[in-house]
Amino acid sequence: MPSDRIDGTLRDILHHIDLATEFAGGLDREGFAADLRAVYAVTRCLEIISEASRRLPEELKERHPAIAWRQMAAAGNVYRHNYEDVAARLVWETVQQALPPLRAAIEDEMARS
C-alpha cells in the first residue's frame, strides 16, 4: 500500500500525463512542432513527470521493468539545461510512445492502494 507521499507523487505523474496528452491532442507531429505553446506546455509536463519519478521508491520501479525510469529521470535535466537541444519531434515521440505505458504502470500502482 503506497504511503501518502507516494500516492501524491503517483497522482502528480498521472495528472501531468493527462495534461501532456491533452496539450498534444488533435495534433499530428507537424502540427505539434508548429504549435510553440503546445511544445512548451508538453515539455513542462515532461519535466514535472521526470522530477516526480525520482521520488518513487525502487521497489515500485522494479515492478515495472518495461518503463525506462533512469532515462525518464535524466530527461528532466535535458529539458531544463539543454533546452536548445530539445526537439519537438522527441517530445512528440515521448507523448506518443512513452506516456501510454507509463500511465498504465501508474494506474496499476494506484490500484494497489
C-alpha atoms as a PDB file:
ATOM      1  CA  MET A   1       0.000   0.000   0.000  1.00  0.00           C
ATOM      2  CA  PRO A   2       1.606   3.275  -1.078  1.00  0.00           C
ATOM      3  CA  SER A   3       2.280   5.943   1.522  1.00  0.00           C
ATOM      4  CA  ASP A   4       0.539   9.294   1.233  1.00  0.00           C
ATOM      5  CA  ARG A   5       3.716  10.779  -0.245  1.00  0.00           C
ATOM      6  CA  ILE A   6       3.984   8.063  -2.880  1.00  0.00           C
ATOM      7  CA  ASP A   7       0.270   8.285  -3.617  1.00  0.00           C
ATOM      8  CA  GLY A   8       0.603  12.047  -4.117  1.00  0.00           C
ATOM      9  CA  THR A   9       3.549  11.520  -6.450  1.00  0.00           C
ATOM     10  CA  LEU A  10       1.608   8.950  -8.466  1.00  0.00           C
ATOM     11  CA  ARG A  11      -1.326  11.382  -8.755  1.00  0.00           C
ATOM     12  CA  ASP A  12       1.055  14.159  -9.864  1.00  0.00           C
ATOM     13  CA  ILE A  13       2.523  11.944 -12.574  1.00  0.00           C
ATOM     14  CA  LEU A  14      -0.887  10.826 -13.776  1.00  0.00           C
ATOM     15  CA  HIS A  15      -2.167  14.418 -13.832  1.00  0.00           C
ATOM     16  CA  HIS A  16       0.771  15.588 -15.939  1.00  0.00           C
ATOM     17  CA  ILE A  17       0.477  12.624 -18.294  1.00  0.00           C
ATOM     18  CA  ASP A  18      -3.136  13.656 -18.851  1.00  0.00           C
ATOM     19  CA  LEU A  19      -2.180  17.302 -19.372  1.00  0.00           C
ATOM     20  CA  ALA A  20       0.582  16.433 -21.843  1.00  0.00           C
ATOM     21  CA  THR A  21      -1.793  14.190 -23.757  1.00  0.00           C
ATOM     22  CA  GLU A  22      -4.435  16.922 -23.803  1.00  0.00           C
ATOM     23  CA  PHE A  23      -1.981  19.613 -24.945  1.00  0.00           C
ATOM     24  CA  ALA A  24      -0.795  17.391 -27.808  1.00  0.00           C
ATOM     25  CA  GLY A  25      -4.291  16.114 -28.602  1.00  0.00           C
ATOM     26  CA  GLY A  26      -5.724  16.692 -32.028  1.00  0.00           C
ATOM     27  CA  LEU A  27      -2.314  17.481 -33.487  1.00  0.00           C
ATOM     28  CA  ASP A  28      -0.138  15.407 -35.747  1.00  0.00           C
ATOM     29  CA  ARG A  29       3.647  15.546 -35.474  1.00  0.00           C
ATOM     30  CA  GLU A  30       3.992  18.506 -37.820  1.00  0.00           C
ATOM     31  CA  GLY A  31       1.110  20.394 -36.238  1.00  0.00           C
ATOM     32  CA  PHE A  32       2.557  19.812 -32.809  1.00  0.00           C
ATOM     33  CA  ALA A  33       6.009  21.055 -33.870  1.00  0.00           C
ATOM     34  CA  ALA A  34       4.414  24.177 -35.340  1.00  0.00           C
ATOM     35  CA  ASP A  35       2.447  24.929 -32.149  1.00  0.00           C
ATOM     36  CA  LEU A  36       5.042  26.527 -29.894  1.00  0.00           C
ATOM     37  CA  ARG A  37       2.623  26.762 -26.967  1.00  0.00           C
ATOM     38  CA  ALA A  38       1.850  23.052 -27.140  1.00  0.00           C
ATOM     39  CA  VAL A  39       5.547  22.158 -27.337  1.00  0.00           C
ATOM     40  CA  TYR A  40       6.354  24.312 -24.316  1.00  0.00           C
ATOM     41  CA  ALA A  41       3.367  23.054 -22.306  1.00  0.00           C
ATOM     42  CA  VAL A  42       4.123  19.394 -23.004  1.00  0.00           C
ATOM     43  CA  THR A  43       7.815  19.872 -22.301  1.00  0.00           C
ATOM     44  CA  ARG A  44       6.933  21.377 -18.913  1.00  0.00           C
ATOM     45  CA  CYS A  45       4.678  18.388 -18.149  1.00  0.00           C
ATOM     46  CA  LEU A  46       7.531  16.048 -19.025  1.00  0.00           C
ATOM     47  CA  GLU A  47       9.867  17.981 -16.716  1.00  0.00           C
ATOM     48  CA  ILE A  48       7.411  17.528 -13.843  1.00  0.00           C
ATOM     49  CA  ILE A  49       6.925  13.829 -14.629  1.00  0.00           C
ATOM     50  CA  SER A  50      10.699  13.403 -14.706  1.00  0.00           C
ATOM     51  CA  GLU A  51      11.182  15.084 -11.347  1.00  0.00           C
ATOM     52  CA  ALA A  52       8.279  13.225  -9.733  1.00  0.00           C
ATOM     53  CA  SER A  53       9.600   9.882 -10.989  1.00  0.00           C
ATOM     54  CA  ARG A  54      12.753  10.452  -8.923  1.00  0.00           C
ATOM     55  CA  ARG A  55      10.647  10.354  -5.753  1.00  0.00           C
ATOM     56  CA  LEU A  56       9.260   6.897  -6.422  1.00  0.00           C
ATOM     57  CA  PRO A  57      10.793   4.023  -4.461  1.00  0.00           C
ATOM     58  CA  GLU A  58      12.972   1.485  -6.228  1.00  0.00           C
ATOM     59  CA  GLU A  59      10.680  -1.427  -5.356  1.00  0.00           C
ATOM     60  CA  LEU A  60       7.840   0.295  -7.222  1.00  0.00           C
ATOM     61  CA  LYS A  61      10.056   0.829 -10.260  1.00  0.00           C
ATOM     62  CA  GLU A  62      11.200  -2.786 -10.128  1.00  0.00           C
ATOM     63  CA  ARG A  63       7.571  -3.911 -10.523  1.00  0.00           C
ATOM     64  CA  HIS A  64       7.534  -2.148 -13.915  1.00  0.00           C
ATOM     65  CA  PRO A  65      10.814  -3.041 -15.642  1.00  0.00           C
ATOM     66  CA  ALA A  66       9.491  -2.068 -19.094  1.00  0.00           C
ATOM     67  CA  ILE A  67       9.439   1.595 -18.023  1.00  0.00           C
ATOM     68  CA  ALA A  68      12.708   3.422 -18.711  1.00  0.00           C
ATOM     69  CA  TRP A  69      12.885   5.002 -15.248  1.00  0.00           C
ATOM     70  CA  ARG A  70      16.516   6.149 -15.486  1.00  0.00           C
ATOM     71  CA  GLN A  71      16.007   7.756 -18.864  1.00  0.00           C
ATOM     72  CA  MET A  72      12.850   9.421 -17.586  1.00  0.00           C
ATOM     73  CA  ALA A  73      14.711  10.938 -14.652  1.00  0.00           C
ATOM     74  CA  ALA A  74      17.620  12.005 -16.858  1.00  0.00           C
ATOM     75  CA  ALA A  75      15.306  13.577 -19.439  1.00  0.00           C
ATOM     76  CA  GLY A  76      14.362  16.253 -16.951  1.00  0.00           C
ATOM     77  CA  ASN A  77      17.943  17.510 -16.969  1.00  0.00           C
ATOM     78  CA  VAL A  78      17.855  17.721 -20.739  1.00  0.00           C
ATOM     79  CA  TYR A  79      14.586  19.669 -20.680  1.00  0.00           C
ATOM     80  CA  ARG A  80      15.901  22.066 -18.025  1.00  0.00           C
ATOM     81  CA  HIS A  81      19.521  22.512 -19.038  1.00  0.00           C
ATOM     82  CA  ASN A  82      19.815  21.647 -22.729  1.00  0.00           C
ATOM     83  CA  TYR A  83      16.592  23.272 -23.785  1.00  0.00           C
ATOM     84  CA  GLU A  84      18.079  24.424 -27.067  1.00  0.00           C
ATOM     85  CA  ASP A  85      18.576  20.751 -27.956  1.00  0.00           C
ATOM     86  CA  VAL A  86      15.009  19.695 -27.101  1.00  0.00           C
ATOM     87  CA  ALA A  87      13.390  18.890 -30.404  1.00  0.00           C
ATOM     88  CA  ALA A  88       9.628  18.944 -30.776  1.00  0.00           C
ATOM     89  CA  ARG A  89       9.952  15.588 -32.549  1.00  0.00           C
ATOM     90  CA  LEU A  90      11.442  13.947 -29.450  1.00  0.00           C
ATOM     91  CA  VAL A  91       8.832  15.487 -27.189  1.00  0.00           C
ATOM     92  CA  TRP A  92       6.093  14.264 -29.562  1.00  0.00           C
ATOM     93  CA  GLU A  93       7.528  10.744 -29.618  1.00  0.00           C
ATOM     94  CA  THR A  94       7.684  10.710 -25.823  1.00  0.00           C
ATOM     95  CA  VAL A  95       3.993  11.594 -25.591  1.00  0.00           C
ATOM     96  CA  GLN A  96       3.022   9.019 -28.193  1.00  0.00           C
ATOM     97  CA  GLN A  97       5.295   6.133 -27.167  1.00  0.00           C
ATOM     98  CA  ALA A  98       6.412   6.508 -23.551  1.00  0.00           C
ATOM     99  CA  LEU A  99       3.423   8.034 -21.795  1.00  0.00           C
ATOM    100  CA  PRO A 100       0.808   5.322 -22.512  1.00  0.00           C
ATOM    101  CA  PRO A 101       2.796   2.505 -20.830  1.00  0.00           C
ATOM    102  CA  LEU A 102       3.795   4.868 -18.018  1.00  0.00           C
ATOM    103  CA  ARG A 103       0.125   5.720 -17.499  1.00  0.00           C
ATOM    104  CA  ALA A 104      -0.700   2.004 -17.272  1.00  0.00           C
ATOM    105  CA  ALA A 105       2.067   1.453 -14.684  1.00  0.00           C
ATOM    106  CA  ILE A 106       0.922   4.422 -12.607  1.00  0.00           C
ATOM    107  CA  GLU A 107      -2.700   3.263 -12.710  1.00  0.00           C
ATOM    108  CA  ASP A 108      -1.559  -0.203 -11.648  1.00  0.00           C
ATOM    109  CA  GLU A 109       0.283   1.238  -8.668  1.00  0.00           C
ATOM    110  CA  MET A 110      -2.646   3.439  -7.696  1.00  0.00           C
ATOM    111  CA  ALA A 111      -4.951   0.422  -7.780  1.00  0.00           C
ATOM    112  CA  ARG A 112      -2.682  -1.285  -5.227  1.00  0.00           C
ATOM    113  CA  SER A 113      -3.680   1.250  -2.567  1.00  0.00           C
END
